[in-house]
N, C-alpha and C. Protein backbone atom coordinates (compact mmCIF):
# COMPACT_ATOMS: atom_id res chain seq x y z
N MET A 1 0.68 -1.21 -0.32
CA MET A 1 0.07 0.09 -0.28
C MET A 1 0.60 1.26 0.03
N THR A 2 0.65 2.17 -0.77
CA THR A 2 1.59 3.72 -0.75
C THR A 2 0.57 4.35 -1.13
N LEU A 3 0.71 5.49 -0.04
CA LEU A 3 -0.08 6.54 -0.13
C LEU A 3 0.66 7.60 -1.19
N ARG A 4 -0.36 8.54 -2.39
CA ARG A 4 -0.49 8.95 -3.48
C ARG A 4 -0.56 10.58 -2.74
N ILE A 5 0.45 11.26 -2.93
CA ILE A 5 -0.05 12.47 -2.21
C ILE A 5 0.38 13.92 -3.12
N SER A 6 -0.02 14.84 -3.56
CA SER A 6 0.18 15.91 -3.94
C SER A 6 1.72 16.71 -4.47
N ARG A 7 2.41 17.26 -4.50
CA ARG A 7 3.90 17.73 -4.09
C ARG A 7 2.73 19.11 -3.80
N GLY A 8 1.98 19.58 -4.15
CA GLY A 8 1.44 20.96 -3.32
C GLY A 8 0.90 20.84 -1.92
N ALA A 9 0.53 19.14 -1.48
CA ALA A 9 -0.75 19.47 -0.32
C ALA A 9 1.25 19.23 0.59
N VAL A 10 2.77 18.31 -0.16
CA VAL A 10 3.54 18.14 0.93
C VAL A 10 4.40 19.67 0.83
N GLN A 11 4.38 20.39 0.22
CA GLN A 11 5.06 22.29 0.37
C GLN A 11 4.53 22.28 1.55
N LEU A 12 2.72 22.29 1.58
CA LEU A 12 1.86 23.38 2.03
C LEU A 12 1.48 22.68 3.98
N MET A 13 2.72 21.52 4.02
CA MET A 13 2.63 20.51 5.14
C MET A 13 3.65 20.95 5.57
N LEU A 14 4.57 21.14 4.52
CA LEU A 14 5.98 21.82 5.79
C LEU A 14 6.13 22.77 5.72
N ARG A 15 6.03 23.59 5.12
CA ARG A 15 5.39 25.29 5.12
C ARG A 15 5.42 25.60 6.66
N HIS A 16 4.15 24.35 6.88
CA HIS A 16 3.37 24.99 8.21
C HIS A 16 4.40 24.64 9.25
N ALA A 17 4.60 23.41 9.10
CA ALA A 17 5.00 23.00 10.62
C ALA A 17 6.70 23.84 10.37
N LEU A 18 7.20 24.10 9.07
CA LEU A 18 8.60 25.49 9.76
C LEU A 18 8.44 26.42 10.68
N GLU A 19 7.32 27.09 9.76
CA GLU A 19 6.59 28.54 10.74
C GLU A 19 6.59 28.29 11.47
N ASN A 20 5.78 27.19 12.29
CA ASN A 20 5.66 26.97 13.41
C ASN A 20 6.45 26.39 14.65
N GLN A 21 8.01 25.93 13.98
CA GLN A 21 8.41 24.90 14.74
C GLN A 21 8.55 26.25 16.03
N PRO A 22 8.67 25.84 17.66
CA PRO A 22 8.97 24.30 17.71
C PRO A 22 7.32 24.09 17.96
N ALA A 23 6.19 24.99 18.29
CA ALA A 23 5.29 24.36 18.59
C ALA A 23 4.67 23.46 17.76
N PRO A 24 3.88 22.32 17.85
CA PRO A 24 3.33 21.52 17.19
C PRO A 24 2.37 22.05 15.98
N VAL A 25 2.10 21.31 15.12
CA VAL A 25 0.69 21.62 14.14
C VAL A 25 0.59 20.31 13.88
N CYS A 26 -0.77 20.64 12.84
CA CYS A 26 -1.93 19.48 12.40
C CYS A 26 -2.42 19.57 11.47
N GLY A 27 -3.38 19.51 10.56
CA GLY A 27 -4.24 19.62 9.15
C GLY A 27 -4.91 18.39 8.78
N LEU A 28 -5.41 18.80 8.17
CA LEU A 28 -6.37 17.37 7.15
C LEU A 28 -6.00 17.44 5.64
N LEU A 29 -6.27 16.13 5.15
CA LEU A 29 -6.34 15.84 4.02
C LEU A 29 -6.69 15.27 3.56
N ALA A 30 -7.14 15.81 2.46
CA ALA A 30 -8.94 15.57 1.44
C ALA A 30 -7.82 14.95 -0.28
N GLY A 31 -9.03 14.19 -0.83
CA GLY A 31 -8.83 13.76 -2.41
C GLY A 31 -9.36 12.51 -2.34
N SER A 32 -9.05 12.00 -3.23
CA SER A 32 -10.37 11.02 -3.54
C SER A 32 -9.31 9.26 -4.22
N ASN A 33 -9.48 8.72 -4.15
CA ASN A 33 -9.00 7.57 -4.75
C ASN A 33 -8.35 6.83 -4.27
N LYS A 34 -8.27 7.25 -3.15
CA LYS A 34 -6.42 7.01 -1.86
C LYS A 34 -4.83 8.38 -2.02
N HIS A 35 -5.63 9.20 -2.88
CA HIS A 35 -4.61 10.38 -3.49
C HIS A 35 -4.97 11.91 -2.53
N MET A 36 -4.37 12.05 -1.54
CA MET A 36 -4.76 13.01 -1.66
C MET A 36 -3.79 14.47 -2.10
N GLU A 37 -4.84 15.25 -2.32
CA GLU A 37 -4.24 16.50 -3.17
C GLU A 37 -5.16 17.65 -2.37
N HIS A 38 -4.99 17.96 -1.32
CA HIS A 38 -5.20 19.29 -0.81
C HIS A 38 -4.24 19.06 0.87
N ALA A 39 -4.16 20.25 1.83
CA ALA A 39 -3.85 19.74 3.07
C ALA A 39 -4.37 21.48 3.14
N GLN A 40 -5.60 20.87 4.46
CA GLN A 40 -5.65 21.99 5.37
C GLN A 40 -4.95 22.22 6.97
N PRO A 41 -3.84 23.47 6.90
CA PRO A 41 -3.61 23.31 8.12
C PRO A 41 -4.82 23.99 9.51
N LEU A 42 -4.67 23.12 10.43
CA LEU A 42 -5.84 23.53 11.32
C LEU A 42 -5.21 24.22 12.31
N ALA A 43 -5.99 25.62 13.03
CA ALA A 43 -4.93 25.96 14.24
C ALA A 43 -5.61 24.93 15.78
N CYS A 44 -4.06 24.85 16.28
CA CYS A 44 -4.49 24.28 17.53
C CYS A 44 -3.59 25.45 18.68
N THR A 45 -3.62 24.35 19.87
CA THR A 45 -3.24 24.99 20.74
C THR A 45 -1.89 24.17 21.91
N ALA A 46 -1.20 24.07 21.77
CA ALA A 46 0.13 23.64 21.90
C ALA A 46 -0.21 23.27 23.83
N LEU A 47 0.00 21.85 24.05
CA LEU A 47 0.03 22.19 25.72
C LEU A 47 0.67 21.63 25.66
N SER A 48 0.84 20.89 27.30
CA SER A 48 2.43 20.80 27.90
C SER A 48 3.12 19.94 27.39
N ASN A 49 2.56 18.38 27.26
CA ASN A 49 2.64 17.16 27.00
C ASN A 49 3.45 16.93 25.63
N GLY A 50 3.09 17.97 25.12
CA GLY A 50 3.28 18.04 23.31
C GLY A 50 2.88 17.66 22.45
N ASN A 51 1.20 17.59 22.92
CA ASN A 51 0.05 17.35 21.53
C ASN A 51 -0.58 18.49 21.67
N CYS A 52 -1.26 18.67 20.93
CA CYS A 52 -1.80 20.31 20.58
C CYS A 52 -3.20 20.19 20.60
N ARG A 53 -4.08 21.11 21.08
CA ARG A 53 -5.38 20.87 20.71
C ARG A 53 -6.19 21.33 19.67
N LEU A 54 -7.37 20.78 19.25
CA LEU A 54 -7.60 21.67 18.55
C LEU A 54 -8.96 22.20 18.98
N ASP A 55 -9.74 22.92 17.36
CA ASP A 55 -10.75 23.81 17.99
C ASP A 55 -12.12 22.61 16.97
N PRO A 56 -12.86 21.95 18.00
CA PRO A 56 -14.12 21.52 16.94
C PRO A 56 -15.20 22.18 16.24
N PHE A 57 -14.77 23.31 16.51
CA PHE A 57 -15.92 24.04 15.47
C PHE A 57 -15.17 24.52 14.35
N GLU A 58 -13.76 25.09 14.38
CA GLU A 58 -13.33 25.01 13.12
C GLU A 58 -13.02 23.43 12.47
N LEU A 59 -12.69 22.52 12.61
CA LEU A 59 -12.40 21.53 12.52
C LEU A 59 -14.08 21.16 11.87
N ARG A 60 -15.38 20.87 11.65
CA ARG A 60 -16.67 20.56 11.74
C ARG A 60 -16.54 22.24 10.57
N GLN A 61 -16.37 22.98 10.62
CA GLN A 61 -16.76 23.98 9.85
C GLN A 61 -15.55 23.70 8.23
N ILE A 62 -14.71 22.92 8.22
CA ILE A 62 -13.94 22.94 7.08
C ILE A 62 -14.15 21.36 6.83
N LEU A 63 -14.77 20.79 7.38
CA LEU A 63 -15.27 19.16 6.88
C LEU A 63 -16.82 19.64 6.14
N ALA A 64 -17.63 20.84 6.50
CA ALA A 64 -18.36 20.90 5.60
C ALA A 64 -18.33 21.72 4.39
N ASP A 65 -17.55 22.47 4.84
CA ASP A 65 -16.90 22.83 3.36
C ASP A 65 -16.35 21.60 2.58
N TRP A 66 -15.64 20.92 2.77
CA TRP A 66 -15.15 20.19 1.93
C TRP A 66 -16.23 19.45 1.04
N ARG A 67 -17.77 18.71 2.44
CA ARG A 67 -18.56 18.31 1.60
C ARG A 67 -19.39 18.82 0.59
N ARG A 68 -18.92 20.37 1.16
CA ARG A 68 -19.71 21.12 -0.10
C ARG A 68 -18.69 20.99 -1.98
N ARG A 69 -17.76 20.98 -1.33
CA ARG A 69 -17.35 21.02 -2.62
C ARG A 69 -16.83 19.70 -3.18
N GLY A 70 -17.41 18.48 -2.65
CA GLY A 70 -17.30 17.04 -2.76
C GLY A 70 -15.49 17.07 -2.80
N LEU A 71 -15.38 17.31 -1.43
CA LEU A 71 -13.87 16.53 -1.49
C LEU A 71 -14.16 15.77 -0.03
N VAL A 72 -13.19 14.46 0.34
CA VAL A 72 -14.23 13.88 1.42
C VAL A 72 -12.60 13.57 2.02
N CYS A 73 -12.29 13.70 3.13
CA CYS A 73 -11.60 13.91 4.39
C CYS A 73 -11.07 12.59 4.42
N GLU A 74 -9.44 11.90 4.19
CA GLU A 74 -9.18 11.04 4.07
C GLU A 74 -7.90 10.81 4.92
N GLY A 75 -7.30 11.49 5.70
CA GLY A 75 -6.20 11.23 6.27
C GLY A 75 -5.81 12.73 7.16
N MET A 76 -4.91 12.97 7.84
CA MET A 76 -4.14 13.83 8.68
C MET A 76 -2.46 14.09 8.80
N TYR A 77 -2.40 15.49 9.35
CA TYR A 77 -0.72 15.32 9.07
C TYR A 77 -0.63 15.64 10.72
N PHE A 78 0.74 15.78 11.12
CA PHE A 78 0.83 16.26 12.80
C PHE A 78 2.74 15.91 13.15
N THR A 79 2.68 17.47 13.90
CA THR A 79 4.18 16.81 14.73
C THR A 79 3.81 16.64 16.18
N GLY A 80 4.57 16.12 16.41
CA GLY A 80 4.63 15.45 17.61
C GLY A 80 3.63 14.45 17.61
N LYS A 81 2.64 14.17 18.81
CA LYS A 81 1.98 13.42 19.00
C LYS A 81 0.32 13.56 18.35
N ALA A 82 -0.07 12.02 18.02
CA ALA A 82 -1.32 12.81 16.92
C ALA A 82 -2.43 13.13 18.04
N PRO A 83 -3.30 14.71 17.63
CA PRO A 83 -4.28 15.63 18.22
C PRO A 83 -5.55 15.17 18.35
N LEU A 84 -5.71 13.77 17.80
CA LEU A 84 -7.60 13.62 18.22
C LEU A 84 -7.35 11.79 18.32
N ASP A 85 -8.65 12.50 18.98
CA ASP A 85 -9.33 11.72 19.97
C ASP A 85 -9.98 10.32 18.38
N GLU A 86 -10.71 9.59 19.24
CA GLU A 86 -11.36 7.83 18.74
C GLU A 86 -12.27 8.89 18.35
N GLY A 87 -12.74 9.45 18.87
CA GLY A 87 -14.19 10.33 18.84
C GLY A 87 -14.38 11.27 17.23
N MET A 88 -13.32 11.82 17.34
CA MET A 88 -12.67 12.61 16.61
C MET A 88 -12.44 12.45 15.28
N LEU A 89 -11.25 11.70 15.32
CA LEU A 89 -11.19 10.48 13.80
C LEU A 89 -13.03 9.78 13.44
N ASN A 90 -13.18 9.48 14.13
CA ASN A 90 -14.48 8.93 13.09
C ASN A 90 -15.53 9.33 13.07
N GLU A 91 -15.61 11.22 13.56
CA GLU A 91 -16.23 11.99 12.31
C GLU A 91 -15.44 12.75 11.72
N LEU A 92 -14.09 12.28 11.68
CA LEU A 92 -13.44 12.99 9.99
C LEU A 92 -13.65 11.70 9.36
N SER A 93 -13.86 10.54 9.45
CA SER A 93 -13.58 9.83 8.35
C SER A 93 -15.17 9.49 7.75
N GLY A 94 -15.77 10.13 8.42
CA GLY A 94 -17.57 9.82 8.14
C GLY A 94 -18.04 8.38 8.48
N GLY A 95 -17.75 7.76 9.25
CA GLY A 95 -17.96 6.56 9.30
C GLY A 95 -17.38 6.08 8.85
N SER A 96 -16.59 6.07 7.86
CA SER A 96 -16.01 5.18 7.57
C SER A 96 -15.34 3.61 7.68
N PRO A 97 -15.66 2.78 7.14
CA PRO A 97 -14.90 1.49 8.09
C PRO A 97 -13.02 1.59 7.58
N ASP A 98 -12.72 2.65 6.37
CA ASP A 98 -11.63 2.53 5.94
C ASP A 98 -10.14 4.04 6.83
N PRO A 99 -9.31 3.19 7.66
CA PRO A 99 -9.19 4.15 8.42
C PRO A 99 -8.64 5.00 7.74
N LEU A 100 -7.83 6.36 8.19
CA LEU A 100 -7.35 7.49 7.88
C LEU A 100 -6.16 7.32 7.33
N TRP A 101 -5.23 7.63 6.35
CA TRP A 101 -4.08 7.81 6.15
C TRP A 101 -3.01 9.44 7.23
N ARG A 102 -2.46 8.83 7.87
CA ARG A 102 -1.75 8.92 8.76
C ARG A 102 0.21 10.11 8.53
N VAL A 103 0.04 11.43 8.02
CA VAL A 103 1.83 11.67 7.92
C VAL A 103 2.12 12.79 9.47
N MET A 104 3.53 12.52 9.51
CA MET A 104 4.05 12.43 11.18
C MET A 104 5.30 13.08 10.39
N ILE A 105 5.09 14.65 10.76
CA ILE A 105 7.02 15.35 10.05
C ILE A 105 7.16 15.12 12.07
N ASP A 106 8.49 14.10 11.64
CA ASP A 106 9.00 14.37 12.77
C ASP A 106 10.69 15.92 12.36
N MET A 107 11.24 17.02 13.23
CA MET A 107 12.01 17.80 13.06
C MET A 107 12.77 18.12 14.21
N ASP A 108 14.52 17.93 13.74
CA ASP A 108 15.26 17.42 14.85
C ASP A 108 15.72 19.23 14.91
N THR A 109 16.75 18.88 16.01
CA THR A 109 17.14 20.28 16.40
C THR A 109 17.80 21.30 15.62
N LYS A 110 17.84 20.86 14.43
CA LYS A 110 18.57 21.99 13.40
C LYS A 110 17.66 22.18 12.43
N GLY A 111 16.04 21.72 12.44
CA GLY A 111 15.37 22.59 11.76
C GLY A 111 15.22 21.73 10.37
N ARG A 112 15.61 20.06 10.47
CA ARG A 112 15.67 18.96 8.95
C ARG A 112 14.37 18.32 9.54
N LEU A 113 13.76 18.43 8.06
CA LEU A 113 12.51 17.16 8.82
C LEU A 113 12.24 16.32 7.85
N ASP A 114 11.91 15.32 8.29
CA ASP A 114 11.14 14.51 7.64
C ASP A 114 9.95 13.67 8.02
N MET A 115 9.33 12.55 7.06
CA MET A 115 7.66 12.58 6.95
C MET A 115 7.49 11.13 6.60
N HIS A 116 6.72 10.73 7.59
CA HIS A 116 6.13 9.14 7.62
C HIS A 116 5.25 9.06 7.34
N ALA A 117 4.37 7.85 6.96
CA ALA A 117 3.44 7.45 6.57
C ALA A 117 3.03 6.21 6.81
N PHE A 118 1.38 6.46 7.22
CA PHE A 118 1.06 5.23 7.95
C PHE A 118 -0.30 5.71 7.77
N HIS A 119 -1.48 4.00 7.34
CA HIS A 119 -2.57 3.17 7.00
C HIS A 119 -3.23 3.18 8.24
N GLY A 120 -3.88 3.75 8.56
CA GLY A 120 -4.89 4.06 10.25
C GLY A 120 -3.87 3.37 11.49
N ASN A 121 -2.75 2.67 11.77
CA ASN A 121 -2.27 2.19 13.00
C ASN A 121 -1.67 1.08 12.36
N ASP A 122 -1.73 0.90 11.16
CA ASP A 122 -0.41 0.09 10.23
C ASP A 122 0.67 0.94 10.34
N GLU A 123 1.53 -0.29 10.27
CA GLU A 123 3.20 -0.35 9.80
C GLU A 123 3.73 1.04 8.43
N GLU A 124 4.67 1.48 9.10
CA GLU A 124 4.88 2.41 7.75
C GLU A 124 4.57 2.69 6.12
N VAL A 125 4.24 2.70 5.51
CA VAL A 125 4.29 3.12 4.39
C VAL A 125 4.89 3.83 3.44
N PRO A 126 5.05 3.34 2.10
CA PRO A 126 5.83 4.43 1.37
C PRO A 126 5.32 6.03 0.61
N MET A 127 5.26 6.72 0.56
CA MET A 127 4.88 7.68 -0.29
C MET A 127 4.82 8.09 -1.31
N LEU A 128 4.15 8.24 -1.89
CA LEU A 128 4.39 8.56 -3.98
C LEU A 128 4.05 10.28 -4.13
N LEU A 129 5.28 10.79 -4.53
CA LEU A 129 4.86 12.39 -4.92
C LEU A 129 4.57 12.52 -6.42
N CYS A 130 3.15 13.23 -6.87
CA CYS A 130 2.28 13.19 -7.36
C CYS A 130 2.47 14.94 -8.00
N GLU A 131 2.20 14.66 -9.52
CA GLU A 131 2.63 16.25 -9.60
C GLU A 131 1.13 15.98 -11.01
N GLU A 132 0.10 16.23 -10.76
CA GLU A 132 -0.44 16.32 -12.30
C GLU A 132 -1.36 15.13 -12.46
N GLY A 133 -0.97 14.21 -11.84
CA GLY A 133 -1.14 12.75 -12.15
C GLY A 133 -0.15 12.33 -12.25
N GLU A 134 1.14 12.33 -12.35
CA GLU A 134 2.52 12.02 -12.86
C GLU A 134 3.39 11.38 -11.43
N ALA A 135 3.68 10.47 -11.80
CA ALA A 135 4.56 10.76 -10.28
C ALA A 135 5.82 11.18 -10.61
N LEU A 136 6.16 12.13 -9.64
CA LEU A 136 8.05 11.94 -9.65
C LEU A 136 8.46 11.72 -8.62
N ALA A 137 8.09 11.25 -7.20
CA ALA A 137 9.28 10.33 -6.36
C ALA A 137 8.94 9.36 -5.48
N LEU A 138 9.37 8.42 -4.87
CA LEU A 138 9.84 7.02 -4.06
C LEU A 138 9.92 7.93 -2.55
N TYR A 139 9.34 7.91 -1.31
CA TYR A 139 10.43 8.16 -0.51
C TYR A 139 9.40 7.15 1.15
N PRO A 140 10.17 7.27 1.51
CA PRO A 140 11.68 7.41 1.64
C PRO A 140 12.51 6.12 1.01
N ALA A 141 13.47 6.01 1.12
CA ALA A 141 14.60 5.73 0.28
C ALA A 141 14.35 4.21 0.66
N TRP A 142 13.63 3.91 1.42
CA TRP A 142 13.42 1.89 1.86
C TRP A 142 12.63 1.67 1.50
N ALA A 143 11.94 2.68 0.13
CA ALA A 143 10.59 2.51 -0.68
C ALA A 143 11.55 2.23 -2.23
N CYS A 144 12.74 2.17 -1.87
CA CYS A 144 12.66 1.77 -3.51
C CYS A 144 13.77 0.77 -3.66
N ASP A 145 14.09 -0.05 -2.58
CA ASP A 145 14.83 -1.11 -2.60
C ASP A 145 13.97 -2.10 -3.45
């Protein structure tokens, strides 16, 4: 299984993480056919344990807007620990039995970024970076072996 994600979504996620470091960030991923085309940063309040707290009202507004536009929330991205509880995860997925994609962004003390994708709580999966439907790169390097 491989996560297909647009270059624009990756750029937005990384910019969001860099502009807000060292504070944790999170956002939603929307797409279709397991191809993440859009990333939406969310406002979050940093908590003392490294997690962040989301505004449920903002989250519901974004999901309603996406539904009107025909977009489906298929995942989330975050730095630190996943900010959502089971109830919010269920709301994001619209009750779908398919687990959400998760993209974790790691940042070291020198500001270098690393990304890891997971499907539900499964093991790490590779990400295929795409632009206008064309595959550009496979990440991480271990996926190319």
